[in-house]
């Protein structure tokens, strides 16, 4: 099986490639070729008995998607995107990368299939930003899409494209609406939601962190470990049960910022919490306060998707995966 990860240099992409190297298979099929693709050189991995290609490519550039599709990967994980704040601040860049790059990929797959039968599994990472206010406390699977950001709009359009290309038989796609991934390792990025990780990650490392929103703000979370597990699961399951609705709200944890801070205190003590400094930022609040607070996620659970059940568990996963269990 040939597996391709587009966006392989990002945090989730790196963790996904590590997971695939560890398991060496997807859905019981051995990986014979692994292609790691990103706009910056992806970090190579060693997959014994399989070819590993590291490809520098930008889907939004002419010919890039066609070149990738020509290698006819069996499974394509499409993770590449610019994040929410960047897409809001740079309108043309957001649509070029998040929408046009995705459309080019789907169209390249379609055209590749015109010469010889080809219908890959495409796992696309969408976002809870496809929903917008007014929102119920728990969003059901059939809730209307009404994004209130350019990023959310771009993801919603890509979901529709994925469903139509799947309906026409050009690809076999599934879109995973990821919860906000917390705790993200590494340095902060430009995502409006980045502080959700920062108020946990930095204090655990003995560093100060800024909280730009009220402690009462509620949100929907899952760990990087859960996100990777969902991607691998989506690549392997029978998608006939999805029918024409190819997008899934993934399970997660509904918690307020105050709940996060309380969990941090239980895990790491008052000293860690004291490193959080509150500095309200109306621009960040305007974006993230329009996002969902919780999901029912019935379809995803019926299909075998799972996540953590508490913020304490999410923090423990971060400690286990990133801090080598040095905190007790």
C-alpha atoms as a PDB file:
ATOM      1  CA  UNK A   1       0.000   0.000   0.000  1.00  0.00           C
ATOM      2  CA  UNK A   2       1.204   3.498  -0.914  1.00  0.00           C
ATOM      3  CA  UNK A   3       0.337   6.109   1.743  1.00  0.00           C
ATOM      4  CA  UNK A   4       0.793   9.863   1.231  1.00  0.00           C
ATOM      5  CA  UNK A   5       0.675  12.526   3.948  1.00  0.00           C
ATOM      6  CA  UNK A   6       0.216  16.068   2.621  1.00  0.00           C
ATOM      7  CA  UNK A   7       1.160  18.468   5.392  1.00  0.00           C
ATOM      8  CA  UNK A   8       3.675  15.985   6.789  1.00  0.00           C
ATOM      9  CA  UNK A   9       5.935  18.645   8.328  1.00  0.00           C
ATOM     10  CA  UNK A  10       3.219  19.900  10.669  1.00  0.00           C
ATOM     11  CA  UNK A  11       2.708  18.640  14.190  1.00  0.00           C
ATOM     12  CA  UNK A  12      -0.085  16.201  13.362  1.00  0.00           C
ATOM     13  CA  UNK A  13       1.691  15.139  10.162  1.00  0.00           C
ATOM     14  CA  UNK A  14       4.870  14.268  12.049  1.00  0.00           C
ATOM     15  CA  UNK A  15       2.973  12.314  14.680  1.00  0.00           C
ATOM     16  CA  UNK A  16       0.972  10.505  12.002  1.00  0.00           C
ATOM     17  CA  UNK A  17       4.098   9.480  10.108  1.00  0.00           C
ATOM     18  CA  UNK A  18       5.637   8.220  13.359  1.00  0.00           C
ATOM     19  CA  UNK A  19       2.484   6.190  14.044  1.00  0.00           C
ATOM     20  CA  UNK A  20       2.515   4.657  10.562  1.00  0.00           C
ATOM     21  CA  UNK A  21       6.190   3.772  10.906  1.00  0.00           C
ATOM     22  CA  UNK A  22       5.432   2.100  14.215  1.00  0.00           C
ATOM     23  CA  UNK A  23       2.479   0.094  12.904  1.00  0.00           C
ATOM     24  CA  UNK A  24       3.766  -0.387   9.323  1.00  0.00           C
ATOM     25  CA  UNK A  25       0.248  -0.955   8.041  1.00  0.00           C
ATOM     26  CA  UNK A  26      -3.153   0.654   7.522  1.00  0.00           C
ATOM     27  CA  UNK A  27      -6.260  -1.447   8.015  1.00  0.00           C
ATOM     28  CA  UNK A  28      -4.195  -4.632   7.910  1.00  0.00           C
ATOM     29  CA  UNK A  29      -2.495  -3.746   4.603  1.00  0.00           C
ATOM     30  CA  UNK A  30       1.290  -3.401   4.771  1.00  0.00           C
ATOM     31  CA  UNK A  31       2.717  -0.012   3.814  1.00  0.00           C
ATOM     32  CA  UNK A  32       5.129  -0.472   0.913  1.00  0.00           C
ATOM     33  CA  UNK A  33       5.632   3.229   0.149  1.00  0.00           C
ATOM     34  CA  UNK A  34       5.241   6.309   2.349  1.00  0.00           C
ATOM     35  CA  UNK A  35       5.302   9.777   0.748  1.00  0.00           C
ATOM     36  CA  UNK A  36       5.755  12.763   3.062  1.00  0.00           C
ATOM     37  CA  UNK A  37       4.748  16.048   1.410  1.00  0.00           C
ATOM     38  CA  UNK A  38       4.900  19.664   2.597  1.00  0.00           C
ATOM     39  CA  UNK A  39       5.923  23.166   1.496  1.00  0.00           C
ATOM     40  CA  UNK A  40       9.014  22.816   3.675  1.00  0.00           C
ATOM     41  CA  UNK A  41      11.178  19.688   3.573  1.00  0.00           C
ATOM     42  CA  UNK A  42       9.461  17.032   5.729  1.00  0.00           C
ATOM     43  CA  UNK A  43      11.547  15.171   8.260  1.00  0.00           C
ATOM     44  CA  UNK A  44      12.453  11.757   6.886  1.00  0.00           C
ATOM     45  CA  UNK A  45      11.583   8.552   8.670  1.00  0.00           C
ATOM     46  CA  UNK A  46      12.897   5.020   8.421  1.00  0.00           C
ATOM     47  CA  UNK A  47      10.278   2.464   7.432  1.00  0.00           C
ATOM     48  CA  UNK A  48      12.043  -0.861   7.087  1.00  0.00           C
ATOM     49  CA  UNK A  49      11.018  -2.743   3.954  1.00  0.00           C
ATOM     50  CA  UNK A  50       9.290   0.269   2.413  1.00  0.00           C
ATOM     51  CA  UNK A  51      10.278   3.239   0.273  1.00  0.00           C
ATOM     52  CA  UNK A  52      10.017   6.652   1.960  1.00  0.00           C
ATOM     53  CA  UNK A  53       9.834   9.779  -0.202  1.00  0.00           C
ATOM     54  CA  UNK A  54      10.195  13.300   1.214  1.00  0.00           C
ATOM     55  CA  UNK A  55       8.648  15.749  -1.248  1.00  0.00           C
ATOM     56  CA  UNK A  56       8.666  19.549  -1.111  1.00  0.00           C
ATOM     57  CA  UNK A  57       5.494  20.724  -2.831  1.00  0.00           C
ATOM     58  CA  UNK A  58       2.818  23.433  -2.652  1.00  0.00           C
ATOM     59  CA  UNK A  59      -0.618  22.189  -3.730  1.00  0.00           C
ATOM     60  CA  UNK A  60      -1.698  25.705  -4.658  1.00  0.00           C
ATOM     61  CA  UNK A  61       0.973  25.926  -7.378  1.00  0.00           C
ATOM     62  CA  UNK A  62       0.265  24.830 -10.945  1.00  0.00           C
ATOM     63  CA  UNK A  63       1.105  21.185 -11.615  1.00  0.00           C
ATOM     64  CA  UNK A  64       1.950  20.276  -8.016  1.00  0.00           C
ATOM     65  CA  UNK A  65      -1.195  18.257  -7.325  1.00  0.00           C
ATOM     66  CA  UNK A  66      -0.995  16.451 -10.669  1.00  0.00           C
ATOM     67  CA  UNK A  67       2.550  15.361  -9.901  1.00  0.00           C
ATOM     68  CA  UNK A  68       1.476  13.933  -6.544  1.00  0.00           C
ATOM     69  CA  UNK A  69      -1.569  12.148  -7.968  1.00  0.00           C
ATOM     70  CA  UNK A  70       0.562  10.610 -10.742  1.00  0.00           C
ATOM     71  CA  UNK A  71       2.210   8.358  -8.144  1.00  0.00           C
ATOM     72  CA  UNK A  72      -1.288   6.960  -7.433  1.00  0.00           C
ATOM     73  CA  UNK A  73      -1.210   6.650  -3.615  1.00  0.00           C
ATOM     74  CA  UNK A  74      -3.841   4.322  -2.175  1.00  0.00           C
ATOM     75  CA  UNK A  75      -4.427   6.499   0.889  1.00  0.00           C
ATOM     76  CA  UNK A  76      -3.977  10.274   1.015  1.00  0.00           C
ATOM     77  CA  UNK A  77      -4.046  12.137   4.311  1.00  0.00           C
ATOM     78  CA  UNK A  78      -4.685  15.783   3.414  1.00  0.00           C
ATOM     79  CA  UNK A  79      -3.670  17.841   6.457  1.00  0.00           C
ATOM     80  CA  UNK A  80      -2.173  20.902   4.736  1.00  0.00           C
ATOM     81  CA  UNK A  81      -3.682  24.314   5.549  1.00  0.00           C
ATOM     82  CA  UNK A  82      -2.882  27.688   6.996  1.00  0.00           C
ATOM     83  CA  UNK A  83      -4.460  28.211  10.401  1.00  0.00           C
ATOM     84  CA  UNK A  84      -7.456  30.298  11.459  1.00  0.00           C
ATOM     85  CA  UNK A  85      -5.913  33.659  12.383  1.00  0.00           C
ATOM     86  CA  UNK A  86      -3.587  33.575   9.370  1.00  0.00           C
ATOM     87  CA  UNK A  87      -6.504  32.807   7.036  1.00  0.00           C
ATOM     88  CA  UNK A  88      -8.510  35.686   8.555  1.00  0.00           C
ATOM     89  CA  UNK A  89      -5.630  38.168   8.300  1.00  0.00           C
ATOM     90  CA  UNK A  90      -4.597  37.104   4.773  1.00  0.00           C
ATOM     91  CA  UNK A  91      -7.781  36.641   2.760  1.00  0.00           C
ATOM     92  CA  UNK A  92      -6.254  35.743  -0.618  1.00  0.00           C
ATOM     93  CA  UNK A  93      -3.604  33.466   0.917  1.00  0.00           C
ATOM     94  CA  UNK A  94      -6.238  31.584   2.884  1.00  0.00           C
ATOM     95  CA  UNK A  95      -8.401  30.860  -0.153  1.00  0.00           C
ATOM     96  CA  UNK A  96      -5.395  30.014  -2.315  1.00  0.00           C
ATOM     97  CA  UNK A  97      -3.960  27.464   0.087  1.00  0.00           C
ATOM     98  CA  UNK A  98      -6.951  26.141   2.018  1.00  0.00           C
ATOM     99  CA  UNK A  99      -9.457  26.040  -0.843  1.00  0.00           C
ATOM    100  CA  UNK A 100      -7.661  26.111  -4.188  1.00  0.00           C
ATOM    101  CA  UNK A 101      -4.919  23.726  -3.090  1.00  0.00           C
ATOM    102  CA  UNK A 102      -7.557  21.216  -1.987  1.00  0.00           C
ATOM    103  CA  UNK A 103      -9.590  21.636  -5.174  1.00  0.00           C
ATOM    104  CA  UNK A 104      -6.466  21.127  -7.278  1.00  0.00           C
ATOM    105  CA  UNK A 105      -5.756  17.883  -5.401  1.00  0.00           C
ATOM    106  CA  UNK A 106      -9.260  16.501  -5.898  1.00  0.00           C
ATOM    107  CA  UNK A 107      -9.239  17.463  -9.563  1.00  0.00           C
ATOM    108  CA  UNK A 108      -5.810  15.888 -10.096  1.00  0.00           C
ATOM    109  CA  UNK A 109      -7.138  12.650  -8.611  1.00  0.00           C
ATOM    110  CA  UNK A 110     -10.139  12.770 -10.940  1.00  0.00           C
ATOM    111  CA  UNK A 111      -7.994  13.316 -14.010  1.00  0.00           C
ATOM    112  CA  UNK A 112      -5.562  10.577 -12.991  1.00  0.00           C
ATOM    113  CA  UNK A 113      -8.499   8.196 -12.867  1.00  0.00           C
ATOM    114  CA  UNK A 114      -9.473   9.016 -16.451  1.00  0.00           C
ATOM    115  CA  UNK A 115      -6.485   7.140 -17.836  1.00  0.00           C
ATOM    116  CA  UNK A 116      -6.726   4.101 -15.584  1.00  0.00           C
ATOM    117  CA  UNK A 117      -9.060   3.113 -12.738  1.00  0.00           C
ATOM    118  CA  UNK A 118      -8.040   5.025  -9.626  1.00  0.00           C
ATOM    119  CA  UNK A 119     -10.118   5.814  -6.518  1.00  0.00           C
ATOM    120  CA  UNK A 120      -7.959   6.511  -3.455  1.00  0.00           C
ATOM    121  CA  UNK A 121      -9.122   6.892   0.122  1.00  0.00           C
ATOM    122  CA  UNK A 122      -8.784  10.591   1.006  1.00  0.00           C
ATOM    123  CA  UNK A 123      -8.841  11.593   4.679  1.00  0.00           C
ATOM    124  CA  UNK A 124      -9.307  15.355   4.941  1.00  0.00           C
ATOM    125  CA  UNK A 125      -8.884  17.331   8.165  1.00  0.00           C
ATOM    126  CA  UNK A 126     -11.712  19.793   8.567  1.00  0.00           C
ATOM    127  CA  UNK A 127     -12.560  21.922  11.577  1.00  0.00           C
ATOM    128  CA  UNK A 128     -15.296  22.778  14.060  1.00  0.00           C
ATOM    129  CA  UNK A 129     -14.980  26.303  12.599  1.00  0.00           C
ATOM    130  CA  UNK A 130     -17.450  25.225   9.880  1.00  0.00           C
ATOM    131  CA  UNK A 131     -20.156  25.995  12.475  1.00  0.00           C
ATOM    132  CA  UNK A 132     -21.129  29.457  13.662  1.00  0.00           C
ATOM    133  CA  UNK A 133     -23.391  31.219  16.129  1.00  0.00           C
ATOM    134  CA  UNK A 134     -26.059  30.802  17.287  1.00  0.00           C
ATOM    135  CA  UNK A 135     -25.071  27.373  18.556  1.00  0.00           C
ATOM    136  CA  UNK A 136     -26.606  24.877  20.993  1.00  0.00           C
ATOM    137  CA  UNK A 137     -24.488  23.640  23.887  1.00  0.00           C
ATOM    138  CA  UNK A 138     -24.179  20.282  22.116  1.00  0.00           C
ATOM    139  CA  UNK A 139     -24.171  20.194  18.323  1.00  0.00           C
ATOM    140  CA  UNK A 140     -25.936  17.227  16.682  1.00  0.00           C
ATOM    141  CA  UNK A 141     -24.594  15.504  13.585  1.00  0.00           C
ATOM    142  CA  UNK A 142     -27.072  17.188  11.245  1.00  0.00           C
ATOM    143  CA  UNK A 143     -26.509  20.781  12.414  1.00  0.00           C
ATOM    144  CA  UNK A 144     -26.318  23.447   9.703  1.00  0.00           C
ATOM    145  CA  UNK A 145     -22.941  24.758   8.526  1.00  0.00           C
ATOM    146  CA  UNK A 146     -22.724  28.541   8.972  1.00  0.00           C
ATOM    147  CA  UNK A 147     -19.056  29.518   9.443  1.00  0.00           C
ATOM    148  CA  UNK A 148     -18.211  32.977  10.729  1.00  0.00           C
ATOM    149  CA  UNK A 149     -14.574  33.057   9.626  1.00  0.00           C
ATOM    150  CA  UNK A 150     -12.767  32.745   6.315  1.00  0.00           C
ATOM    151  CA  UNK A 151     -10.987  29.644   7.625  1.00  0.00           C
ATOM    152  CA  UNK A 152     -14.276  27.984   8.534  1.00  0.00           C
ATOM    153  CA  UNK A 153     -15.765  28.928   5.175  1.00  0.00           C
ATOM    154  CA  UNK A 154     -12.803  27.424   3.332  1.00  0.00           C
ATOM    155  CA  UNK A 155     -13.089  24.176   5.270  1.00  0.00           C
ATOM    156  CA  UNK A 156     -16.858  24.003   4.678  1.00  0.00           C
ATOM    157  CA  UNK A 157     -16.429  24.436   0.915  1.00  0.00           C
ATOM    158  CA  UNK A 158     -13.769  21.703   0.876  1.00  0.00           C
ATOM    159  CA  UNK A 159     -16.155  19.367   2.708  1.00  0.00           C
ATOM    160  CA  UNK A 160     -18.747  19.899  -0.031  1.00  0.00           C
ATOM    161  CA  UNK A 161     -16.150  19.241  -2.723  1.00  0.00           C
ATOM    162  CA  UNK A 162     -15.044  16.061  -0.957  1.00  0.00           C
ATOM    163  CA  UNK A 163     -18.638  14.825  -0.770  1.00  0.00           C
ATOM    164  CA  UNK A 164     -19.317  15.562  -4.441  1.00  0.00           C
ATOM    165  CA  UNK A 165     -16.092  13.971  -5.717  1.00  0.00           C
ATOM    166  CA  UNK A 166     -16.897  10.930  -3.550  1.00  0.00           C
ATOM    167  CA  UNK A 167     -20.471  10.795  -4.861  1.00  0.00           C
ATOM    168  CA  UNK A 168     -19.164  10.836  -8.423  1.00  0.00           C
ATOM    169  CA  UNK A 169     -16.752   8.004  -7.636  1.00  0.00           C
ATOM    170  CA  UNK A 170     -13.552   9.975  -8.244  1.00  0.00           C
ATOM    171  CA  UNK A 171     -12.293   9.338  -4.705  1.00  0.00           C
ATOM    172  CA  UNK A 172     -13.452   7.727  -1.459  1.00  0.00           C
ATOM    173  CA  UNK A 173     -13.319  10.588   0.997  1.00  0.00           C
ATOM    174  CA  UNK A 174     -14.017  11.358   4.627  1.00  0.00           C
ATOM    175  CA  UNK A 175     -13.687  14.731   6.357  1.00  0.00           C
ATOM    176  CA  UNK A 176     -12.851  14.739  10.057  1.00  0.00           C
ATOM    177  CA  UNK A 177     -13.954  17.832  11.944  1.00  0.00           C
ATOM    178  CA  UNK A 178     -11.158  17.847  14.475  1.00  0.00           C
ATOM    179  CA  UNK A 179     -11.690  19.324  17.924  1.00  0.00           C
ATOM    180  CA  UNK A 180      -9.151  21.915  18.950  1.00  0.00           C
ATOM    181  CA  UNK A 181      -5.997  19.865  19.489  1.00  0.00           C
ATOM    182  CA  UNK A 182      -4.658  20.340  22.975  1.00  0.00           C
ATOM    183  CA  UNK A 183      -2.013  20.155  24.203  1.00  0.00           C
ATOM    184  CA  UNK A 184      -0.012  20.886  21.042  1.00  0.00           C
ATOM    185  CA  UNK A 185       3.744  20.369  21.569  1.00  0.00           C
ATOM    186  CA  UNK A 186       6.394  22.733  20.275  1.00  0.00           C
ATOM    187  CA  UNK A 187       6.234  26.467  19.694  1.00  0.00           C
ATOM    188  CA  UNK A 188       2.988  28.474  19.459  1.00  0.00           C
ATOM    189  CA  UNK A 189       1.516  28.884  15.958  1.00  0.00           C
ATOM    190  CA  UNK A 190      -0.741  31.583  14.477  1.00  0.00           C
ATOM    191  CA  UNK A 191      -3.995  29.768  15.238  1.00  0.00           C
ATOM    192  CA  UNK A 192      -6.527  31.827  17.158  1.00  0.00           C
ATOM    193  CA  UNK A 193      -6.979  28.790  19.378  1.00  0.00           C
ATOM    194  CA  UNK A 194      -3.266  28.483  20.153  1.00  0.00           C
ATOM    195  CA  UNK A 195      -3.631  29.823  23.689  1.00  0.00           C
ATOM    196  CA  UNK A 196      -5.680  26.755  24.658  1.00  0.00           C
ATOM    197  CA  UNK A 197      -2.462  24.751  24.408  1.00  0.00           C
ATOM    198  CA  UNK A 198      -0.226  27.572  25.607  1.00  0.00           C
ATOM    199  CA  UNK A 199      -1.869  27.888  29.016  1.00  0.00           C
ATOM    200  CA  UNK A 200      -1.041  24.224  29.654  1.00  0.00           C
ATOM    201  CA  UNK A 201       2.158  23.633  27.686  1.00  0.00           C
ATOM    202  CA  UNK A 202       4.157  26.648  28.849  1.00  0.00           C
ATOM    203  CA  UNK A 203       3.377  26.365  32.586  1.00  0.00           C
ATOM    204  CA  UNK A 204       4.240  22.645  32.517  1.00  0.00           C
ATOM    205  CA  UNK A 205       7.627  23.698  31.135  1.00  0.00           C
ATOM    206  CA  UNK A 206       8.041  26.415  33.779  1.00  0.00           C
ATOM    207  CA  UNK A 207       7.331  29.227  31.309  1.00  0.00           C
ATOM    208  CA  UNK A 208       4.775  32.071  31.511  1.00  0.00           C
ATOM    209  CA  UNK A 209       1.718  32.040  29.280  1.00  0.00           C
ATOM    210  CA  UNK A 210      -0.872  34.607  28.224  1.00  0.00           C
ATOM    211  CA  UNK A 211      -4.623  33.977  28.457  1.00  0.00           C
ATOM    212  CA  UNK A 212      -6.486  36.305  26.029  1.00  0.00           C
ATOM    213  CA  UNK A 213     -10.074  35.205  26.790  1.00  0.00           C
ATOM    214  CA  UNK A 214     -12.326  34.874  29.879  1.00  0.00           C
ATOM    215  CA  UNK A 215     -12.095  31.716  31.980  1.00  0.00           C
ATOM    216  CA  UNK A 216     -15.798  31.094  31.336  1.00  0.00           C
ATOM    217  CA  UNK A 217     -15.274  30.421  27.611  1.00  0.00           C
ATOM    218  CA  UNK A 218     -16.180  26.803  26.793  1.00  0.00           C
ATOM    219  CA  UNK A 219     -14.645  24.803  23.944  1.00  0.00           C
ATOM    220  CA  UNK A 220     -14.205  21.293  22.460  1.00  0.00           C
ATOM    221  CA  UNK A 221     -10.853  19.505  22.833  1.00  0.00           C
ATOM    222  CA  UNK A 222      -8.930  16.335  22.024  1.00  0.00           C
ATOM    223  CA  UNK A 223      -5.263  15.395  22.272  1.00  0.00           C
ATOM    224  CA  UNK A 224      -2.829  15.000  19.372  1.00  0.00           C
ATOM    225  CA  UNK A 225      -2.804  11.285  20.163  1.00  0.00           C
ATOM    226  CA  UNK A 226      -6.570  11.082  19.622  1.00  0.00           C
ATOM    227  CA  UNK A 227      -6.342  13.098  16.401  1.00  0.00           C
ATOM    228  CA  UNK A 228      -3.782  10.704  14.941  1.00  0.00           C
ATOM    229  CA  UNK A 229      -5.821   7.685  16.015  1.00  0.00           C
ATOM    230  CA  UNK A 230      -8.863   9.171  14.284  1.00  0.00           C
ATOM    231  CA  UNK A 231      -6.910   9.697  11.059  1.00  0.00           C
ATOM    232  CA  UNK A 232      -5.628   6.128  11.018  1.00  0.00           C
ATOM    233  CA  UNK A 233      -9.095   4.777  11.837  1.00  0.00           C
ATOM    234  CA  UNK A 234     -10.672   6.857   9.058  1.00  0.00           C
ATOM    235  CA  UNK A 235      -8.216   5.450   6.536  1.00  0.00           C
ATOM    236  CA  UNK A 236      -9.185   1.869   7.330  1.00  0.00           C
ATOM    237  CA  UNK A 237     -12.937   1.705   7.936  1.00  0.00           C
ATOM    238  CA  UNK A 238     -15.716   0.974   5.445  1.00  0.00           C
ATOM    239  CA  UNK A 239     -17.196   4.348   4.494  1.00  0.00           C
ATOM    240  CA  UNK A 240     -20.435   3.000   3.037  1.00  0.00           C
ATOM    241  CA  UNK A 241     -22.157   3.740   6.338  1.00  0.00           C
ATOM    242  CA  UNK A 242     -21.525   7.456   5.772  1.00  0.00           C
ATOM    243  CA  UNK A 243     -23.686   7.568   2.666  1.00  0.00           C
ATOM    244  CA  UNK A 244     -23.601  10.973   0.992  1.00  0.00           C
ATOM    245  CA  UNK A 245     -22.666  12.764   4.230  1.00  0.00           C
ATOM    246  CA  UNK A 246     -18.908  12.421   4.246  1.00  0.00           C
ATOM    247  CA  UNK A 247     -18.112  14.700   7.196  1.00  0.00           C
ATOM    248  CA  UNK A 248     -17.807  13.507  10.797  1.00  0.00           C
ATOM    249  CA  UNK A 249     -17.904  15.443  14.075  1.00  0.00           C
ATOM    250  CA  UNK A 250     -15.253  13.738  16.172  1.00  0.00           C
ATOM    251  CA  UNK A 251     -15.632  12.978  19.899  1.00  0.00           C
ATOM    252  CA  UNK A 252     -13.845  15.177  22.398  1.00  0.00           C
ATOM    253  CA  UNK A 253     -13.980  16.924  25.772  1.00  0.00           C
ATOM    254  CA  UNK A 254     -16.147  19.983  26.433  1.00  0.00           C
ATOM    255  CA  UNK A 255     -14.393  22.233  28.950  1.00  0.00           C
ATOM    256  CA  UNK A 256     -14.116  25.881  29.932  1.00  0.00           C
ATOM    257  CA  UNK A 257     -10.800  27.674  30.198  1.00  0.00           C
ATOM    258  CA  UNK A 258     -11.398  27.561  33.947  1.00  0.00           C
ATOM    259  CA  UNK A 259     -11.756  23.773  33.717  1.00  0.00           C
ATOM    260  CA  UNK A 260      -8.420  23.642  31.907  1.00  0.00           C
ATOM    261  CA  UNK A 261      -6.742  25.683  34.608  1.00  0.00           C
ATOM    262  CA  UNK A 262      -8.296  23.574  37.368  1.00  0.00           C
ATOM    263  CA  UNK A 263      -7.010  20.414  35.660  1.00  0.00           C
ATOM    264  CA  UNK A 264      -3.552  21.968  35.356  1.00  0.00           C
ATOM    265  CA  UNK A 265      -3.604  22.724  39.073  1.00  0.00           C
ATOM    266  CA  UNK A 266      -4.574  19.128  39.906  1.00  0.00           C
ATOM    267  CA  UNK A 267      -1.792  17.753  37.709  1.00  0.00           C
ATOM    268  CA  UNK A 268       1.039  20.263  38.276  1.00  0.00           C
ATOM    269  CA  UNK A 269       0.111  22.397  41.296  1.00  0.00           C
ATOM    270  CA  UNK A 270      -0.444  26.073  42.045  1.00  0.00           C
ATOM    271  CA  UNK A 271       3.016  27.065  40.828  1.00  0.00           C
ATOM    272  CA  UNK A 272       2.122  26.136  37.261  1.00  0.00           C
ATOM    273  CA  UNK A 273      -1.185  28.007  37.381  1.00  0.00           C
ATOM    274  CA  UNK A 274       0.550  31.130  38.721  1.00  0.00           C
ATOM    275  CA  UNK A 275       2.476  31.363  35.432  1.00  0.00           C
ATOM    276  CA  UNK A 276      -0.729  32.194  33.510  1.00  0.00           C
ATOM    277  CA  UNK A 277      -1.204  35.934  32.902  1.00  0.00           C
ATOM    278  CA  UNK A 278      -4.609  37.232  31.797  1.00  0.00           C
ATOM    279  CA  UNK A 279      -4.423  39.779  28.938  1.00  0.00           C
ATOM    280  CA  UNK A 280      -7.767  40.128  27.105  1.00  0.00           C
ATOM    281  CA  UNK A 281      -7.533  40.202  23.293  1.00  0.00           C
ATOM    282  CA  UNK A 282     -10.889  41.091  21.678  1.00  0.00           C
ATOM    283  CA  UNK A 283      -9.757  39.966  18.214  1.00  0.00           C
ATOM    284  CA  UNK A 284      -8.945  36.448  19.445  1.00  0.00           C
ATOM    285  CA  UNK A 285     -12.123  36.319  21.517  1.00  0.00           C
ATOM    286  CA  UNK A 286     -14.282  37.330  18.535  1.00  0.00           C
ATOM    287  CA  UNK A 287     -12.975  34.354  16.546  1.00  0.00           C
ATOM    288  CA  UNK A 288     -12.964  31.572  19.131  1.00  0.00           C
ATOM    289  CA  UNK A 289     -16.170  32.601  20.928  1.00  0.00           C
ATOM    290  CA  UNK A 290     -18.094  31.865  17.716  1.00  0.00           C
ATOM    291  CA  UNK A 291     -16.899  28.255  17.721  1.00  0.00           C
ATOM    292  CA  UNK A 292     -18.781  25.247  19.165  1.00  0.00           C
ATOM    293  CA  UNK A 293     -18.788  24.357  22.839  1.00  0.00           C
ATOM    294  CA  UNK A 294     -19.634  20.669  22.512  1.00  0.00           C
ATOM    295  CA  UNK A 295     -20.828  17.893  20.221  1.00  0.00           C
ATOM    296  CA  UNK A 296     -22.989  14.798  20.525  1.00  0.00           C
ATOM    297  CA  UNK A 297     -20.849  12.985  17.870  1.00  0.00           C
ATOM    298  CA  UNK A 298     -23.204  10.013  17.583  1.00  0.00           C
ATOM    299  CA  UNK A 299     -22.147   8.966  14.068  1.00  0.00           C
ATOM    300  CA  UNK A 300     -18.456   9.059  14.916  1.00  0.00           C
ATOM    301  CA  UNK A 301     -18.899   6.960  18.049  1.00  0.00           C
ATOM    302  CA  UNK A 302     -20.975   4.407  16.141  1.00  0.00           C
ATOM    303  CA  UNK A 303     -18.120   4.145  13.633  1.00  0.00           C
ATOM    304  CA  UNK A 304     -15.568   3.477  16.369  1.00  0.00           C
ATOM    305  CA  UNK A 305     -13.975   6.912  16.795  1.00  0.00           C
ATOM    306  CA  UNK A 306     -12.991   7.808  20.365  1.00  0.00           C
ATOM    307  CA  UNK A 307     -11.182  10.475  22.400  1.00  0.00           C
ATOM    308  CA  UNK A 308     -10.307  11.412  25.963  1.00  0.00           C
ATOM    309  CA  UNK A 309     -13.103  11.958  28.475  1.00  0.00           C
ATOM    310  CA  UNK A 310     -11.576  14.691  30.688  1.00  0.00           C
ATOM    311  CA  UNK A 311      -9.123  17.585  30.537  1.00  0.00           C
ATOM    312  CA  UNK A 312      -7.008  15.832  33.181  1.00  0.00           C
ATOM    313  CA  UNK A 313      -6.605  12.931  30.774  1.00  0.00           C
ATOM    314  CA  UNK A 314      -5.626  15.262  27.930  1.00  0.00           C
ATOM    315  CA  UNK A 315      -2.909  16.850  30.077  1.00  0.00           C
ATOM    316  CA  UNK A 316      -1.657  13.419  31.151  1.00  0.00           C
ATOM    317  CA  UNK A 317      -1.396  12.393  27.493  1.00  0.00           C
ATOM    318  CA  UNK A 318       0.765  15.461  26.830  1.00  0.00           C
ATOM    319  CA  UNK A 319       3.022  14.600  29.742  1.00  0.00           C
ATOM    320  CA  UNK A 320       3.351  10.969  28.632  1.00  0.00           C
ATOM    321  CA  UNK A 321       3.984  11.783  24.966  1.00  0.00           C
ATOM    322  CA  UNK A 322       6.079  14.942  25.253  1.00  0.00           C
ATOM    323  CA  UNK A 323       7.597  15.191  28.715  1.00  0.00           C
ATOM    324  CA  UNK A 324       8.639  11.559  29.185  1.00  0.00           C
ATOM    325  CA  UNK A 325       6.549  11.171  32.325  1.00  0.00           C
ATOM    326  CA  UNK A 326       8.730  13.571  34.317  1.00  0.00           C
ATOM    327  CA  UNK A 327       5.692  15.048  36.098  1.00  0.00           C
ATOM    328  CA  UNK A 328       3.682  13.000  38.553  1.00  0.00           C
END
